[in-house]
Amino acid sequence: METLGSQTVYRNRWMEVREDTIRRSDGTVDIYGVIDRPDFVMVVPQHGDRFHLVEQFRYPLGRRCWEFPAGTLPDLAVGDPEDLAHRELREETGLRAGRLTYLGPIDAAPGTLRQHGRVYLATELTPGEPEREPEEQDMCSEWFDRTRLEAMIRSGEITDTGTLAAYSLLLLRDRA
């Protein structure tokens, strides 16, 4: 595909939506909608056979969801991914990681969303108070053992694609 032009149709402090005019390989010209978001991190907090997840209301789905801590910097900012991983873990759970291990990359929804993610395993954890942002005040967090976590995935209680991908990366690391 060839991009012939691009126009921003919406922007806020978390994302930009644009319409690109494209020429397909068959020569036809069309519009492709793209959502641009800053890169994100996802953190898998693990202590022994237990994992720490957060639950929050996800407005587009109209329900609360369990997921691993994750986030971006506000105002479309770009920063060091490892620093961001420490920040998100501390903000959402209060935990501090003595060690972060990079597990791999993920792309959230590559058909419509230009946002790349990095997944980290957080270990050597120290508890503390969460430092949640205003929109995270209804968030709660809890430890789950591996058996319960996998049961939540199988039953559809956990459906967040980032969390599913992060857990897959962890399983692949554990098997290596």
Protein backbone atom coordinates (compact mmCIF):
# COMPACT_ATOMS: atom_id res chain seq x y z
CA MET A 1 0.00 0.00 0.00
CA GLU A 2 1.07 3.52 -0.73
CA THR A 3 0.04 6.41 1.53
CA LEU A 4 -1.10 9.39 -0.53
CA GLY A 5 -2.06 11.69 2.33
CA SER A 6 -3.03 11.79 5.97
CA GLN A 7 -5.44 13.90 8.02
CA THR A 8 -5.92 13.99 11.80
CA VAL A 9 -9.66 13.83 12.54
CA TYR A 10 -9.50 13.67 16.36
CA ARG A 11 -6.90 14.11 19.07
CA ASN A 12 -6.86 14.08 22.87
CA ARG A 13 -4.12 13.58 25.46
CA TRP A 14 -4.20 9.77 25.02
CA MET A 15 -4.63 9.20 21.27
CA GLU A 16 -4.86 10.56 17.78
CA VAL A 17 -7.26 9.29 15.13
CA ARG A 18 -6.34 9.87 11.52
CA GLU A 19 -7.62 8.99 8.07
CA ASP A 20 -4.98 8.03 5.54
CA THR A 21 -5.70 8.13 1.84
CA ILE A 22 -4.08 5.01 0.42
CA ARG A 23 -3.52 3.35 -2.94
CA ARG A 24 -3.95 -0.41 -2.78
CA SER A 25 -1.82 -2.80 -4.81
CA ASP A 26 -4.61 -3.09 -7.41
CA GLY A 27 -4.51 0.70 -7.94
CA THR A 28 -7.74 1.59 -6.14
CA VAL A 29 -7.71 4.55 -3.79
CA ASP A 30 -9.40 4.29 -0.40
CA ILE A 31 -9.43 5.63 3.17
CA TYR A 32 -7.79 3.73 6.05
CA GLY A 33 -8.60 4.75 9.62
CA VAL A 34 -5.70 4.54 12.08
CA ILE A 35 -5.58 5.15 15.83
CA ASP A 36 -2.17 6.34 17.05
CA ARG A 37 -1.36 5.78 20.72
CA PRO A 38 1.95 6.03 22.54
CA ASP A 39 3.82 2.82 23.18
CA PHE A 40 2.79 0.97 26.33
CA VAL A 41 4.19 -1.45 28.85
CA MET A 42 2.53 -4.40 30.55
CA VAL A 43 3.90 -5.76 33.80
CA VAL A 44 3.49 -9.33 35.06
CA PRO A 45 4.02 -9.13 38.84
CA GLN A 46 4.96 -12.61 40.07
CA HIS A 47 5.81 -13.89 43.52
CA GLY A 48 6.34 -17.64 43.56
CA ASP A 49 3.27 -19.16 41.92
CA ARG A 50 1.10 -16.07 42.44
CA PHE A 51 0.35 -13.17 40.10
CA HIS A 52 -0.93 -9.68 40.91
CA LEU A 53 -3.72 -8.36 38.67
CA VAL A 54 -5.75 -5.17 38.65
CA GLU A 55 -9.47 -4.82 38.00
CA GLN A 56 -10.95 -1.68 36.54
CA PHE A 57 -13.99 -0.48 34.65
CA ARG A 58 -13.40 -0.45 30.89
CA TYR A 59 -15.81 2.06 29.43
CA PRO A 60 -15.86 0.73 25.81
CA LEU A 61 -16.87 -2.73 27.12
CA GLY A 62 -19.21 -1.41 29.82
CA ARG A 63 -17.78 -3.75 32.45
CA ARG A 64 -14.94 -4.35 34.88
CA CYS A 65 -11.95 -6.36 33.65
CA TRP A 66 -9.06 -8.19 35.31
CA GLU A 67 -5.69 -7.59 33.66
CA PHE A 68 -2.00 -7.21 34.37
CA PRO A 69 -0.90 -3.64 35.20
CA ALA A 70 -0.23 -1.65 32.04
CA GLY A 71 -0.11 1.86 30.71
CA THR A 72 1.37 4.69 28.72
CA LEU A 73 2.69 8.11 29.55
CA PRO A 74 0.08 10.90 29.36
CA ASP A 75 -0.02 13.58 26.69
CA LEU A 76 1.28 11.19 23.99
CA ALA A 77 4.72 11.37 25.63
CA VAL A 78 7.49 8.88 24.93
CA GLY A 79 9.79 7.63 27.66
CA ASP A 80 12.05 4.81 28.77
CA PRO A 81 9.96 1.58 28.78
CA GLU A 82 11.64 0.14 31.88
CA ASP A 83 11.04 3.35 33.84
CA LEU A 84 7.42 3.28 32.67
CA ALA A 85 7.07 -0.36 33.81
CA HIS A 86 8.27 0.57 37.31
CA ARG A 87 5.89 3.56 37.32
CA GLU A 88 2.81 1.62 36.20
CA LEU A 89 3.44 -1.18 38.69
CA ARG A 90 3.84 1.33 41.55
CA GLU A 91 0.84 3.46 40.50
CA GLU A 92 -1.63 0.63 39.97
CA THR A 93 -0.62 -1.89 42.67
CA GLY A 94 1.75 -0.13 45.07
CA LEU A 95 4.32 -2.86 44.40
CA ARG A 96 7.96 -2.03 43.76
CA ALA A 97 10.00 -4.46 41.68
CA GLY A 98 13.55 -5.25 42.68
CA ARG A 99 13.95 -6.89 39.29
CA LEU A 100 12.33 -6.39 35.89
CA THR A 101 12.92 -8.94 33.12
CA TYR A 102 11.94 -8.13 29.55
CA LEU A 103 9.67 -10.87 28.16
CA GLY A 104 9.00 -9.54 24.66
CA PRO A 105 7.02 -7.22 22.40
CA ILE A 106 3.31 -7.16 21.64
CA ASP A 107 1.15 -5.11 19.27
CA ALA A 108 -2.28 -4.34 20.68
CA ALA A 109 -4.53 -4.39 17.57
CA PRO A 110 -2.38 -4.03 14.45
CA GLY A 111 -5.34 -3.80 12.05
CA THR A 112 -6.47 -0.43 13.41
CA LEU A 113 -4.10 0.66 16.16
CA ARG A 114 -0.49 1.84 15.85
CA GLN A 115 0.71 1.07 19.36
CA HIS A 116 3.58 -1.16 20.36
CA GLY A 117 3.97 -2.75 23.75
CA ARG A 118 6.75 -4.23 25.83
CA VAL A 119 6.06 -6.88 28.46
CA TYR A 120 8.09 -7.16 31.66
CA LEU A 121 8.15 -9.73 34.43
CA ALA A 122 8.37 -8.05 37.84
CA THR A 123 9.93 -10.04 40.68
CA GLU A 124 11.58 -9.34 44.06
CA LEU A 125 8.47 -7.36 44.93
CA THR A 126 8.05 -5.00 47.87
CA PRO A 127 4.55 -3.88 48.90
CA GLY A 128 3.52 -0.25 49.17
CA GLU A 129 0.56 2.05 48.65
CA PRO A 130 -0.77 2.52 45.09
CA GLU A 131 -0.33 5.97 43.53
CA ARG A 132 -3.32 5.83 41.19
CA GLU A 133 -4.26 8.56 38.75
CA PRO A 134 -7.74 10.14 39.10
CA GLU A 135 -9.29 7.86 36.44
CA GLU A 136 -7.90 4.80 38.27
CA GLN A 137 -9.50 5.50 41.66
CA ASP A 138 -12.04 2.68 41.28
CA MET A 139 -9.27 0.19 40.47
CA CYS A 140 -8.65 -2.72 42.79
CA SER A 141 -5.92 -5.34 42.77
CA GLU A 142 -5.50 -8.87 44.02
CA TRP A 143 -3.12 -11.82 44.04
CA PHE A 144 -4.14 -14.99 42.16
CA ASP A 145 -2.36 -18.33 42.12
CA ARG A 146 -1.50 -19.84 38.75
CA THR A 147 -4.38 -22.34 38.89
CA ARG A 148 -6.96 -19.60 39.49
CA LEU A 149 -5.40 -17.29 36.87
CA GLU A 150 -5.56 -20.02 34.22
CA ALA A 151 -9.14 -20.88 35.23
CA MET A 152 -10.08 -17.20 34.78
CA ILE A 153 -8.54 -17.26 31.29
CA ARG A 154 -10.30 -20.49 30.32
CA SER A 155 -13.69 -19.30 31.60
CA GLY A 156 -13.49 -15.96 29.77
CA GLU A 157 -13.26 -13.94 32.98
CA ILE A 158 -9.94 -12.58 31.65
CA THR A 159 -10.22 -11.50 28.00
CA ASP A 160 -7.75 -8.61 27.77
CA THR A 161 -5.52 -9.40 24.78
CA GLY A 162 -2.46 -7.80 26.37
CA THR A 163 -2.82 -9.91 29.49
CA LEU A 164 -3.31 -13.06 27.42
CA ALA A 165 -0.26 -12.26 25.28
CA ALA A 166 1.85 -11.36 28.33
CA TYR A 167 0.98 -14.63 30.04
CA SER A 168 1.84 -16.50 26.84
CA LEU A 169 5.26 -14.80 26.74
CA LEU A 170 5.79 -15.79 30.38
CA LEU A 171 4.89 -19.43 29.65
CA LEU A 172 7.29 -19.50 26.68
CA ARG A 173 10.06 -18.06 28.89
CA ASP A 174 9.34 -20.65 31.58
CA ARG A 175 9.56 -23.48 29.03
CA ALA A 176 12.82 -22.27 27.48
